Protein backbone atom coordinates (compact mmCIF):
# COMPACT_ATOMS: atom_id res chain seq x y z
CA ALA A 1 13.68 -17.10 -17.00
CA TYR A 2 9.79 -16.00 -16.87
CA LYS A 3 8.83 -19.73 -15.60
CA ASP A 4 10.94 -18.93 -12.37
CA ILE A 5 8.30 -17.55 -10.04
CA GLU A 6 10.15 -18.21 -7.08
CA MET A 7 12.68 -15.62 -8.40
CA PHE A 8 9.87 -13.37 -9.48
CA GLU A 9 8.50 -13.46 -6.23
CA LYS A 10 11.64 -12.53 -4.78
CA ASN A 11 12.71 -9.77 -7.14
CA THR A 12 9.14 -8.28 -6.93
CA ARG A 13 9.47 -7.96 -3.30
CA PHE A 14 12.43 -6.55 -3.42
CA GLY A 15 11.12 -3.82 -5.34
CA ARG A 16 8.18 -3.20 -3.51
CA GLN A 17 10.49 -2.88 -0.39
CA LEU A 18 12.57 -0.04 -2.44
CA GLY A 19 9.40 1.74 -2.85
CA TYR A 20 8.03 0.58 -6.31
CA GLU A 21 4.34 0.67 -6.69
CA GLY A 22 4.28 -1.85 -9.55
CA ARG A 23 6.13 -3.71 -12.47
CA MET A 24 6.17 -4.90 -16.09
CA LEU A 25 5.00 -8.47 -16.31
CA ILE A 26 5.97 -10.07 -19.44
CA HIS A 27 4.12 -13.64 -18.92
CA PRO A 28 0.24 -14.13 -17.52
CA SER A 29 1.84 -16.21 -14.76
CA GLN A 30 3.09 -13.19 -13.18
CA ILE A 31 -0.25 -11.50 -12.95
CA GLU A 32 -1.27 -13.27 -9.53
CA PRO A 33 1.91 -12.78 -7.51
CA SER A 34 2.59 -9.20 -8.51
CA HIS A 35 -1.19 -8.26 -7.40
CA ARG A 36 -0.53 -10.39 -4.31
CA ILE A 37 2.68 -8.71 -3.57
CA TYR A 38 1.62 -5.07 -4.44
CA THR A 39 -2.06 -4.96 -2.93
CA PRO A 40 -1.79 -3.83 0.58
CA SER A 41 -2.47 -6.30 3.35
CA PRO A 42 -5.80 -5.95 5.06
CA GLU A 43 -3.68 -5.07 8.13
CA ASP A 44 -2.02 -2.57 6.61
CA VAL A 45 -5.24 -0.93 5.15
CA GLU A 46 -6.37 -0.84 8.90
CA TRP A 47 -3.26 0.44 10.41
CA ALA A 48 -3.65 3.05 7.40
CA LYS A 49 -7.15 4.27 8.24
CA GLU A 50 -6.04 4.66 11.74
CA ILE A 51 -3.09 6.61 11.53
CA VAL A 52 -4.99 8.95 8.91
CA LYS A 53 -8.25 9.39 11.26
CA VAL A 54 -5.93 9.90 14.83
CA PHE A 55 -3.41 12.39 12.88
CA GLU A 56 -6.24 14.25 11.42
CA GLU A 57 -7.77 14.71 14.69
CA GLU A 58 -5.23 14.80 17.35
CA GLY A 59 -2.02 16.40 14.75
CA ILE A 60 -3.42 18.54 11.91
CA ALA A 61 -6.92 19.87 13.63
CA LYS A 62 -4.67 20.74 16.75
CA GLY A 63 -1.85 22.33 14.57
CA LEU A 64 0.79 19.64 15.59
CA ALA A 65 3.64 18.53 13.46
CA ALA A 66 3.71 15.05 15.32
CA ILE A 67 1.96 12.88 17.79
CA ASN A 68 2.39 9.83 19.79
CA HIS A 69 0.04 7.05 18.84
CA LYS A 70 0.53 3.88 20.73
CA GLY A 71 4.20 4.44 21.15
CA GLN A 72 4.64 5.43 17.47
CA MET A 73 5.70 8.93 16.26
CA VAL A 74 3.27 9.95 13.75
CA ASP A 75 4.03 12.85 11.63
CA THR A 76 3.77 14.14 8.12
CA PRO A 77 5.67 11.81 6.09
CA VAL A 78 4.16 8.97 7.83
CA TYR A 79 0.67 10.18 7.30
CA GLU A 80 1.09 10.38 4.03
CA GLY A 81 2.51 7.20 3.50
CA ALA A 82 -0.71 5.83 5.30
CA ARG A 83 -2.91 8.12 2.94
CA ALA A 84 -0.96 6.65 -0.13
CA THR A 85 -1.91 2.89 1.04
CA LEU A 86 -5.45 4.11 1.15
CA ALA A 87 -5.01 5.61 -2.25
CA ILE A 88 -4.15 2.18 -3.97
CA MET A 89 -6.57 0.18 -2.18
CA ASP A 90 -8.99 2.74 -3.64
CA GLU A 91 -7.38 2.21 -7.03
CA ILE A 92 -7.48 -1.32 -6.64
CA THR A 93 -11.21 -1.56 -5.74
CA ALA A 94 -12.15 0.78 -8.29
CA PHE A 95 -10.66 -1.09 -11.11
CA ASP A 96 -11.74 -4.57 -9.84
CA LYS A 97 -15.66 -3.10 -9.66
CA LYS A 98 -14.76 -1.90 -13.51
CA ARG A 99 -13.39 -5.14 -14.52
CA ASN A 100 -16.39 -7.00 -13.07
CA LEU A 101 -19.19 -4.87 -14.25
CA ALA A 102 -17.47 -5.38 -17.73
């Protein structure tokens, strides 16, 4: 049922919630929804930048395992998740630049 884009999107969102970082595609109509669902939102990217900055300055630099930032506990797993979000965006940006130069 590759033409059922609504079901494809639902399944793809579920996969992202489970922690998947991508999925196999069998039809070109699946490219746009897959990119949209797996690309971090601008809000997620800004959050990740803020978390990385504050944890490096207030946590790592001071030898703390966790800090409080805006009422949220930020520890190493949260920090690593934020770094992963930024790494994903770096990969997407680099790929887009390379594709646009070709």
